[in-house]
Structures are given as C-alpha cells and as structure tokens.
Amino acid sequence: MTEQTKKKITVYAISIAIPLAVGGLSAYLTKDNMQIYSTVETPPLSPPSILFPIAWTILYILMGISAATVLIDREKDPVSADRGLSRYALSLAFNFVWSILFFNFQNFLFSFVWLLVLLALIIGTILSYHSVSKKAAYLQIPYALWVAFAGYLNFGILYLNP
C-alpha cells in the first residue's frame, strides 16, 4: 500500500469518525429526553422513532465521505473547499445544538428557526463543494433533504402542540 493510499484512508476514516462522534455525543446528551417525540402530537408522515438513528448514521457517513473528498481534492479550488468545509463544520455544530434545543429544552419555535439556519448552511456547503467535487456536493443532498423534512416535523410539532 502506497503512502498516498494510506493518507487517503486516514482522511476518510477521520472525516467519517467526526460526524459520527458529533451525532453520538448529541444522542448521548439528549437520550433522557427523546421520549418527547412519542408524547407530542406529530404531523402526518412522521416516521417511527427507530428510523432516526438509522437515517442519521447513514447521513453522518455520507457527510464524512463528502468532506474527505473535498479535503483530498482541495487543490482544484482551495477557496471553495475551505469555504465549504467551514460551512460544513458550522453545520455540524448547528446540528449538534438543534437536538439539545428540541429535546432537552423543548423549545420548538427556536429549534425550528435554528433548523432553517442549518439548512442554509448545508445548501451553502453544497454550493461550495460543487466547485471542488460534484460527488462531494451530491453526497450532501440527502442531508439537506433530511433536514428539510426535520424542519417539516419540527414545525408540525410546534403547530400541533401550542
């Protein structure tokens, strides 16, 4: 195995581990309040609770692969790569905090507004990544769609549980 191959494997492994760790820590910090989802009235199309950790695990892996791809292809457009990676890092922070706002504080209005900012960050990440790697940009689309769906659920819970 060449040094370059080892380096790429390391970049991918670390890039995947970071969002998984962020998601795991967020889940750990909110685990005592997750039952709120089963106690509030939810809007139509609300999935069962078991779907969320499965979906998020897949999304975190895709996000990590996407970030690694941009890191490896950074020289194609360093400015866009750095801008995209910064937005991605900020989106991870917003993603982490959203769970705490929604589950621990049960502040449905503020968490909804927070999700809108998160969605804007993800869209910005996609646009920046696109200049570096179309594959990396496309791998972020499921994240954007899931967060948009989470916004629908969040708003529905806000509306149905005054």
N, C-alpha and C. Protein backbone atom coordinates (compact mmCIF):
# COMPACT_ATOMS: atom_id res chain seq x y z
N MET A 1 0.85 -1.18 0.00
CA MET A 1 0.00 0.00 0.00
C MET A 1 0.90 1.24 0.00
N THR A 2 0.61 2.16 -0.89
CA THR A 2 1.42 3.37 -1.00
C THR A 2 1.10 4.35 0.14
N GLU A 3 2.00 5.26 0.33
CA GLU A 3 1.79 6.30 1.35
C GLU A 3 0.57 7.16 1.01
N GLN A 4 0.38 7.44 -0.27
CA GLN A 4 -0.77 8.25 -0.68
C GLN A 4 -2.08 7.51 -0.38
N THR A 5 -2.12 6.21 -0.61
CA THR A 5 -3.31 5.43 -0.30
C THR A 5 -3.57 5.42 1.20
N LYS A 6 -2.53 5.25 1.99
CA LYS A 6 -2.67 5.28 3.46
C LYS A 6 -3.20 6.64 3.92
N LYS A 7 -2.68 7.69 3.30
CA LYS A 7 -3.13 9.03 3.67
C LYS A 7 -4.62 9.20 3.35
N LYS A 8 -5.06 8.74 2.17
CA LYS A 8 -6.46 8.86 1.80
C LYS A 8 -7.36 8.06 2.75
N ILE A 9 -6.94 6.86 3.10
CA ILE A 9 -7.72 6.04 4.03
C ILE A 9 -7.85 6.75 5.37
N THR A 10 -6.77 7.34 5.83
CA THR A 10 -6.79 8.08 7.10
C THR A 10 -7.73 9.28 7.02
N VAL A 11 -7.66 10.02 5.92
CA VAL A 11 -8.54 11.18 5.74
C VAL A 11 -10.00 10.74 5.76
N TYR A 12 -10.32 9.68 5.05
CA TYR A 12 -11.70 9.18 5.04
C TYR A 12 -12.13 8.69 6.42
N ALA A 13 -11.27 7.94 7.08
CA ALA A 13 -11.62 7.40 8.41
C ALA A 13 -11.88 8.52 9.41
N ILE A 14 -11.01 9.52 9.44
CA ILE A 14 -11.19 10.63 10.38
C ILE A 14 -12.42 11.46 10.00
N SER A 15 -12.59 11.69 8.70
CA SER A 15 -13.72 12.50 8.23
C SER A 15 -15.06 11.84 8.52
N ILE A 16 -15.10 10.52 8.51
CA ILE A 16 -16.33 9.81 8.85
C ILE A 16 -16.51 9.75 10.37
N ALA A 17 -15.41 9.58 11.09
CA ALA A 17 -15.49 9.48 12.56
C ALA A 17 -15.98 10.78 13.20
N ILE A 18 -15.62 11.91 12.64
CA ILE A 18 -16.01 13.20 13.24
C ILE A 18 -17.52 13.39 13.30
N PRO A 19 -18.25 13.29 12.18
CA PRO A 19 -19.71 13.47 12.30
C PRO A 19 -20.37 12.36 13.13
N LEU A 20 -19.85 11.14 13.05
CA LEU A 20 -20.41 10.07 13.87
C LEU A 20 -20.22 10.38 15.36
N ALA A 21 -19.07 10.93 15.71
CA ALA A 21 -18.82 11.30 17.11
C ALA A 21 -19.72 12.45 17.55
N VAL A 22 -19.89 13.44 16.68
CA VAL A 22 -20.77 14.57 17.00
C VAL A 22 -22.20 14.06 17.20
N GLY A 23 -22.66 13.22 16.29
CA GLY A 23 -24.01 12.66 16.42
C GLY A 23 -24.15 11.78 17.64
N GLY A 24 -23.13 10.99 17.93
CA GLY A 24 -23.17 10.12 19.12
C GLY A 24 -23.22 10.92 20.40
N LEU A 25 -22.43 11.98 20.48
CA LEU A 25 -22.43 12.82 21.68
C LEU A 25 -23.78 13.53 21.83
N SER A 26 -24.32 14.02 20.72
CA SER A 26 -25.63 14.66 20.76
C SER A 26 -26.70 13.69 21.24
N ALA A 27 -26.67 12.48 20.73
CA ALA A 27 -27.65 11.46 21.15
C ALA A 27 -27.49 11.14 22.64
N TYR A 28 -26.25 11.07 23.08
CA TYR A 28 -26.00 10.78 24.49
C TYR A 28 -26.55 11.90 25.38
N LEU A 29 -26.34 13.13 24.97
CA LEU A 29 -26.78 14.27 25.78
C LEU A 29 -28.29 14.47 25.77
N THR A 30 -28.97 13.90 24.80
CA THR A 30 -30.42 14.07 24.71
C THR A 30 -31.19 12.78 25.02
N LYS A 31 -30.49 11.71 25.32
CA LYS A 31 -31.14 10.40 25.47
C LYS A 31 -32.24 10.38 26.52
N ASP A 32 -32.11 11.16 27.57
CA ASP A 32 -33.12 11.16 28.63
C ASP A 32 -34.38 11.93 28.23
N ASN A 33 -34.33 12.64 27.12
CA ASN A 33 -35.47 13.46 26.69
C ASN A 33 -36.03 13.05 25.33
N MET A 34 -35.54 11.98 24.77
CA MET A 34 -36.00 11.54 23.45
C MET A 34 -37.47 11.12 23.47
N GLN A 35 -37.99 10.74 24.61
CA GLN A 35 -39.38 10.28 24.70
C GLN A 35 -40.35 11.40 24.34
N ILE A 36 -39.89 12.64 24.29
CA ILE A 36 -40.77 13.75 23.94
C ILE A 36 -41.42 13.51 22.58
N TYR A 37 -40.69 12.87 21.67
CA TYR A 37 -41.23 12.61 20.33
C TYR A 37 -42.47 11.73 20.39
N SER A 38 -42.51 10.82 21.35
CA SER A 38 -43.67 9.93 21.46
C SER A 38 -44.80 10.53 22.30
N THR A 39 -44.54 11.66 22.95
CA THR A 39 -45.57 12.25 23.82
C THR A 39 -46.25 13.47 23.20
N VAL A 40 -45.67 14.00 22.13
CA VAL A 40 -46.29 15.16 21.47
C VAL A 40 -47.08 14.69 20.26
N GLU A 41 -48.02 15.54 19.84
CA GLU A 41 -48.75 15.25 18.61
C GLU A 41 -47.83 15.57 17.44
N THR A 42 -47.72 14.65 16.51
CA THR A 42 -46.83 14.83 15.37
C THR A 42 -47.64 14.98 14.08
N PRO A 43 -47.05 15.62 13.08
CA PRO A 43 -47.76 15.84 11.82
C PRO A 43 -47.83 14.56 10.98
N PRO A 44 -48.65 14.57 9.95
CA PRO A 44 -48.70 13.41 9.03
C PRO A 44 -47.30 13.13 8.47
N LEU A 45 -47.06 11.91 8.13
CA LEU A 45 -45.78 11.43 7.57
C LEU A 45 -44.67 11.32 8.61
N SER A 46 -45.01 11.47 9.89
CA SER A 46 -43.99 11.33 10.93
C SER A 46 -43.54 9.87 11.00
N PRO A 47 -42.23 9.64 10.85
CA PRO A 47 -41.75 8.26 10.88
C PRO A 47 -41.65 7.75 12.32
N PRO A 48 -41.52 6.44 12.49
CA PRO A 48 -41.33 5.89 13.83
C PRO A 48 -39.95 6.31 14.37
N SER A 49 -39.84 6.39 15.66
CA SER A 49 -38.60 6.84 16.31
C SER A 49 -37.38 6.03 15.89
N ILE A 50 -37.55 4.75 15.64
CA ILE A 50 -36.41 3.89 15.30
C ILE A 50 -35.72 4.31 14.00
N LEU A 51 -36.44 5.01 13.13
CA LEU A 51 -35.86 5.42 11.86
C LEU A 51 -34.79 6.50 12.04
N PHE A 52 -34.91 7.34 13.04
CA PHE A 52 -34.00 8.48 13.18
C PHE A 52 -32.53 8.08 13.37
N PRO A 53 -32.19 7.19 14.30
CA PRO A 53 -30.77 6.85 14.43
C PRO A 53 -30.21 6.14 13.19
N ILE A 54 -31.04 5.39 12.50
CA ILE A 54 -30.58 4.72 11.28
C ILE A 54 -30.30 5.76 10.20
N ALA A 55 -31.25 6.67 9.99
CA ALA A 55 -31.08 7.70 8.98
C ALA A 55 -29.87 8.58 9.29
N TRP A 56 -29.75 9.00 10.56
CA TRP A 56 -28.64 9.88 10.91
C TRP A 56 -27.29 9.19 10.76
N THR A 57 -27.21 7.92 11.08
CA THR A 57 -25.94 7.20 10.91
C THR A 57 -25.53 7.20 9.43
N ILE A 58 -26.48 6.90 8.57
CA ILE A 58 -26.19 6.91 7.13
C ILE A 58 -25.78 8.31 6.68
N LEU A 59 -26.51 9.31 7.14
CA LEU A 59 -26.19 10.69 6.74
C LEU A 59 -24.82 11.12 7.24
N TYR A 60 -24.48 10.77 8.48
CA TYR A 60 -23.16 11.14 9.00
C TYR A 60 -22.05 10.49 8.19
N ILE A 61 -22.25 9.25 7.77
CA ILE A 61 -21.25 8.58 6.94
C ILE A 61 -21.11 9.30 5.59
N LEU A 62 -22.24 9.63 4.97
CA LEU A 62 -22.20 10.36 3.69
C LEU A 62 -21.53 11.72 3.85
N MET A 63 -21.83 12.40 4.96
CA MET A 63 -21.22 13.71 5.21
C MET A 63 -19.70 13.58 5.35
N GLY A 64 -19.27 12.53 6.05
CA GLY A 64 -17.83 12.30 6.22
C GLY A 64 -17.14 11.99 4.91
N ILE A 65 -17.75 11.14 4.10
CA ILE A 65 -17.18 10.82 2.78
C ILE A 65 -17.08 12.08 1.94
N SER A 66 -18.13 12.89 2.00
CA SER A 66 -18.16 14.15 1.25
C SER A 66 -17.03 15.08 1.69
N ALA A 67 -16.88 15.26 2.98
CA ALA A 67 -15.83 16.15 3.49
C ALA A 67 -14.44 15.61 3.12
N ALA A 68 -14.24 14.30 3.24
CA ALA A 68 -12.95 13.71 2.88
C ALA A 68 -12.64 13.94 1.40
N THR A 69 -13.64 13.80 0.57
CA THR A 69 -13.46 14.01 -0.87
C THR A 69 -13.01 15.44 -1.14
N VAL A 70 -13.62 16.39 -0.46
CA VAL A 70 -13.23 17.80 -0.64
C VAL A 70 -11.81 18.03 -0.11
N LEU A 71 -11.49 17.44 1.01
CA LEU A 71 -10.13 17.58 1.55
C LEU A 71 -9.09 17.03 0.57
N ILE A 72 -9.38 15.88 0.00
CA ILE A 72 -8.44 15.25 -0.92
C ILE A 72 -8.34 16.01 -2.24
N ASP A 73 -9.47 16.56 -2.71
CA ASP A 73 -9.49 17.30 -3.98
C ASP A 73 -9.36 18.81 -3.79
N ARG A 74 -8.94 19.23 -2.62
CA ARG A 74 -8.91 20.65 -2.25
C ARG A 74 -8.18 21.53 -3.27
N GLU A 75 -7.12 21.02 -3.89
CA GLU A 75 -6.31 21.83 -4.79
C GLU A 75 -7.07 22.28 -6.04
N LYS A 76 -8.19 21.62 -6.36
CA LYS A 76 -8.99 22.02 -7.53
C LYS A 76 -9.56 23.43 -7.35
N ASP A 77 -9.91 23.79 -6.12
CA ASP A 77 -10.46 25.11 -5.82
C ASP A 77 -10.33 25.34 -4.31
N PRO A 78 -9.14 25.74 -3.87
CA PRO A 78 -8.90 25.85 -2.42
C PRO A 78 -9.84 26.80 -1.69
N VAL A 79 -10.23 27.89 -2.33
CA VAL A 79 -11.12 28.86 -1.69
C VAL A 79 -12.49 28.24 -1.44
N SER A 80 -13.04 27.61 -2.48
CA SER A 80 -14.35 26.96 -2.32
C SER A 80 -14.27 25.79 -1.35
N ALA A 81 -13.17 25.05 -1.39
CA ALA A 81 -13.00 23.93 -0.47
C ALA A 81 -13.01 24.42 0.97
N ASP A 82 -12.22 25.44 1.24
CA ASP A 82 -12.15 25.97 2.61
C ASP A 82 -13.49 26.56 3.05
N ARG A 83 -14.16 27.27 2.15
CA ARG A 83 -15.47 27.84 2.46
C ARG A 83 -16.47 26.72 2.75
N GLY A 84 -16.47 25.70 1.91
CA GLY A 84 -17.39 24.58 2.09
C GLY A 84 -17.12 23.82 3.37
N LEU A 85 -15.86 23.56 3.66
CA LEU A 85 -15.51 22.83 4.89
C LEU A 85 -15.85 23.65 6.14
N SER A 86 -15.69 24.95 6.05
CA SER A 86 -16.07 25.81 7.18
C SER A 86 -17.58 25.77 7.40
N ARG A 87 -18.33 25.86 6.32
CA ARG A 87 -19.80 25.78 6.44
C ARG A 87 -20.22 24.41 6.95
N TYR A 88 -19.54 23.38 6.49
CA TYR A 88 -19.84 22.02 6.95
C TYR A 88 -19.58 21.90 8.45
N ALA A 89 -18.44 22.40 8.91
CA ALA A 89 -18.12 22.34 10.34
C ALA A 89 -19.17 23.10 11.15
N LEU A 90 -19.57 24.25 10.66
CA LEU A 90 -20.59 25.04 11.35
C LEU A 90 -21.93 24.29 11.33
N SER A 91 -22.23 23.62 10.22
CA SER A 91 -23.48 22.85 10.16
C SER A 91 -23.46 21.71 11.17
N LEU A 92 -22.31 21.08 11.37
CA LEU A 92 -22.22 20.04 12.40
C LEU A 92 -22.51 20.61 13.79
N ALA A 93 -21.98 21.79 14.06
CA ALA A 93 -22.24 22.44 15.35
C ALA A 93 -23.73 22.77 15.49
N PHE A 94 -24.33 23.30 14.44
CA PHE A 94 -25.76 23.62 14.49
C PHE A 94 -26.59 22.34 14.64
N ASN A 95 -26.20 21.29 13.96
CA ASN A 95 -26.88 20.01 14.05
C ASN A 95 -26.84 19.50 15.49
N PHE A 96 -25.67 19.57 16.10
CA PHE A 96 -25.47 19.14 17.48
C PHE A 96 -26.37 19.91 18.44
N VAL A 97 -26.39 21.22 18.30
CA VAL A 97 -27.16 22.08 19.21
C VAL A 97 -28.67 21.92 19.00
N TRP A 98 -29.08 21.66 17.75
CA TRP A 98 -30.51 21.52 17.50
C TRP A 98 -31.13 20.45 18.38
N SER A 99 -30.50 19.31 18.49
CA SER A 99 -31.05 18.22 19.31
C SER A 99 -31.26 18.65 20.75
N ILE A 100 -30.33 19.41 21.27
CA ILE A 100 -30.43 19.88 22.65
C ILE A 100 -31.58 20.88 22.77
N LEU A 101 -31.68 21.80 21.81
CA LEU A 101 -32.78 22.78 21.83
C LEU A 101 -34.13 22.09 21.75
N PHE A 102 -34.24 21.11 20.85
CA PHE A 102 -35.52 20.47 20.63
C PHE A 102 -35.87 19.49 21.76
N PHE A 103 -34.99 18.57 22.06
CA PHE A 103 -35.32 17.52 23.02
C PHE A 103 -35.13 17.95 24.48
N ASN A 104 -34.01 18.56 24.80
CA ASN A 104 -33.75 18.91 26.20
C ASN A 104 -34.53 20.13 26.66
N PHE A 105 -34.57 21.16 25.82
CA PHE A 105 -35.26 22.38 26.21
C PHE A 105 -36.70 22.44 25.70
N GLN A 106 -37.03 21.58 24.74
CA GLN A 106 -38.36 21.52 24.15
C GLN A 106 -38.82 22.90 23.66
N ASN A 107 -37.85 23.63 23.13
CA ASN A 107 -38.14 24.95 22.57
C ASN A 107 -38.36 24.78 21.07
N PHE A 108 -39.58 24.42 20.70
CA PHE A 108 -39.89 24.04 19.33
C PHE A 108 -39.78 25.21 18.36
N LEU A 109 -40.12 26.41 18.79
CA LEU A 109 -40.02 27.56 17.90
C LEU A 109 -38.55 27.89 17.59
N PHE A 110 -37.75 28.02 18.63
CA PHE A 110 -36.35 28.37 18.41
C PHE A 110 -35.62 27.25 17.66
N SER A 111 -35.96 26.00 17.97
CA SER A 111 -35.30 24.90 17.26
C SER A 111 -35.69 24.89 15.78
N PHE A 112 -36.90 25.31 15.46
CA PHE A 112 -37.31 25.41 14.05
C PHE A 112 -36.49 26.48 13.33
N VAL A 113 -36.36 27.65 13.94
CA VAL A 113 -35.56 28.72 13.34
C VAL A 113 -34.11 28.26 13.19
N TRP A 114 -33.62 27.55 14.20
CA TRP A 114 -32.26 27.00 14.18
C TRP A 114 -32.09 26.06 12.99
N LEU A 115 -33.10 25.23 12.72
CA LEU A 115 -33.06 24.30 11.59
C LEU A 115 -33.02 25.04 10.26
N LEU A 116 -33.70 26.17 10.17
CA LEU A 116 -33.66 26.94 8.93
C LEU A 116 -32.25 27.45 8.65
N VAL A 117 -31.57 27.89 9.70
CA VAL A 117 -30.18 28.32 9.54
C VAL A 117 -29.31 27.12 9.15
N LEU A 118 -29.54 25.99 9.80
CA LEU A 118 -28.80 24.77 9.47
C LEU A 118 -29.00 24.41 8.00
N LEU A 119 -30.22 24.47 7.53
CA LEU A 119 -30.49 24.15 6.12
C LEU A 119 -29.75 25.12 5.19
N ALA A 120 -29.73 26.38 5.54
CA ALA A 120 -28.99 27.36 4.73
C ALA A 120 -27.49 27.03 4.71
N LEU A 121 -26.95 26.61 5.84
CA LEU A 121 -25.53 26.23 5.90
C LEU A 121 -25.26 25.01 5.02
N ILE A 122 -26.17 24.06 5.03
CA ILE A 122 -25.98 22.86 4.22
C ILE A 122 -26.03 23.21 2.74
N ILE A 123 -26.98 24.05 2.36
CA ILE A 123 -27.07 24.48 0.95
C ILE A 123 -25.80 25.23 0.55
N GLY A 124 -25.30 26.08 1.44
CA GLY A 124 -24.04 26.77 1.17
C GLY A 124 -22.88 25.80 1.03
N THR A 125 -22.87 24.76 1.85
CA THR A 125 -21.84 23.73 1.75
C THR A 125 -21.91 23.04 0.39
N ILE A 126 -23.10 22.67 -0.02
CA ILE A 126 -23.29 22.00 -1.31
C ILE A 126 -22.77 22.88 -2.45
N LEU A 127 -23.13 24.15 -2.42
CA LEU A 127 -22.70 25.06 -3.48
C LEU A 127 -21.18 25.22 -3.51
N SER A 128 -20.56 25.31 -2.34
CA SER A 128 -19.10 25.44 -2.28
C SER A 128 -18.42 24.14 -2.71
N TYR A 129 -18.93 23.01 -2.24
CA TYR A 129 -18.35 21.71 -2.60
C TYR A 129 -18.43 21.46 -4.10
N HIS A 130 -19.49 21.94 -4.73
CA HIS A 130 -19.71 21.67 -6.15
C HIS A 130 -18.53 22.13 -7.01
N SER A 131 -17.87 23.22 -6.61
CA SER A 131 -16.71 23.72 -7.36
C SER A 131 -15.49 22.81 -7.20
N VAL A 132 -15.49 22.04 -6.15
CA VAL A 132 -14.34 21.17 -5.85
C VAL A 132 -14.60 19.75 -6.35
N SER A 133 -15.79 19.24 -6.03
CA SER A 133 -16.15 17.87 -6.40
C SER A 133 -17.67 17.74 -6.47
N LYS A 134 -18.14 17.42 -7.65
CA LYS A 134 -19.59 17.23 -7.80
C LYS A 134 -20.06 16.08 -6.92
N LYS A 135 -19.27 15.02 -6.84
CA LYS A 135 -19.62 13.87 -6.00
C LYS A 135 -19.80 14.32 -4.54
N ALA A 136 -18.89 15.13 -4.04
CA ALA A 136 -18.99 15.61 -2.65
C ALA A 136 -20.25 16.44 -2.45
N ALA A 137 -20.57 17.27 -3.44
CA ALA A 137 -21.77 18.10 -3.35
C ALA A 137 -23.02 17.21 -3.34
N TYR A 138 -23.07 16.23 -4.22
CA TYR A 138 -24.24 15.36 -4.31
C TYR A 138 -24.42 14.53 -3.03
N LEU A 139 -23.34 14.16 -2.39
CA LEU A 139 -23.43 13.38 -1.16
C LEU A 139 -24.04 14.18 0.00
N GLN A 140 -24.07 15.49 -0.13
CA GLN A 140 -24.67 16.35 0.89
C GLN A 140 -26.18 16.53 0.68
N ILE A 141 -26.68 16.21 -0.50
CA ILE A 141 -28.10 16.42 -0.80
C ILE A 141 -29.02 15.62 0.12
N PRO A 142 -28.74 14.36 0.42
CA PRO A 142 -29.62 13.65 1.37
C PRO A 142 -29.67 14.33 2.75
N TYR A 143 -28.57 14.90 3.17
CA TYR A 143 -28.52 15.64 4.44
C TYR A 143 -29.47 16.84 4.37
N ALA A 144 -29.39 17.59 3.26
CA ALA A 144 -30.27 18.75 3.10
C ALA A 144 -31.74 18.33 3.08
N LEU A 145 -32.04 17.26 2.36
CA LEU A 145 -33.42 16.78 2.28
C LEU A 145 -33.93 16.31 3.64
N TRP A 146 -33.08 15.60 4.38
CA TRP A 146 -33.50 15.11 5.70
C TRP A 146 -33.71 16.27 6.67
N VAL A 147 -32.86 17.28 6.62
CA VAL A 147 -33.01 18.44 7.49
C VAL A 147 -34.26 19.22 7.09
N ALA A 148 -34.55 19.31 5.81
CA ALA A 148 -35.80 19.96 5.38
C ALA A 148 -37.00 19.17 5.92
N PHE A 149 -36.94 17.85 5.87
CA PHE A 149 -38.01 17.02 6.42
C PHE A 149 -38.10 17.20 7.93
N ALA A 150 -36.94 17.27 8.59
CA ALA A 150 -36.93 17.53 10.04
C ALA A 150 -37.56 18.88 10.34
N GLY A 151 -37.36 19.86 9.45
CA GLY A 151 -37.99 21.16 9.62
C GLY A 151 -39.51 21.04 9.54
N TYR A 152 -39.98 20.24 8.61
CA TYR A 152 -41.42 19.99 8.50
C TYR A 152 -41.94 19.36 9.79
N LEU A 153 -41.24 18.35 10.29
CA LEU A 153 -41.66 17.69 11.54
C LEU A 153 -41.62 18.67 12.71
N ASN A 154 -40.53 19.44 12.80
CA ASN A 154 -40.37 20.41 13.88
C ASN A 154 -41.49 21.44 13.84
N PHE A 155 -41.77 21.97 12.65
CA PHE A 155 -42.83 22.95 12.54
C PHE A 155 -44.18 22.33 12.87
N GLY A 156 -44.42 21.12 12.39
CA GLY A 156 -45.67 20.43 12.69
C GLY A 156 -45.86 20.23 14.19
N ILE A 157 -44.82 19.85 14.86
CA ILE A 157 -44.90 19.67 16.32
C ILE A 157 -45.15 21.00 17.00
N LEU A 158 -44.48 22.05 16.53
CA LEU A 158 -44.71 23.40 17.06
C LEU A 158 -46.17 23.80 16.88
N TYR A 159 -46.71 23.58 15.70
CA TYR A 159 -48.08 23.98 15.38
C TYR A 159 -49.11 23.15 16.14
N LEU A 160 -48.88 21.86 16.25
CA LEU A 160 -49.85 20.96 16.86
C LEU A 160 -49.80 20.91 18.39
N ASN A 161 -48.76 21.48 18.96
CA ASN A 161 -48.57 21.42 20.42
C ASN A 161 -48.32 22.83 20.97
N PRO A 162 -49.34 23.68 20.92
CA PRO A 162 -49.15 25.09 21.35
C PRO A 162 -48.85 25.20 22.84
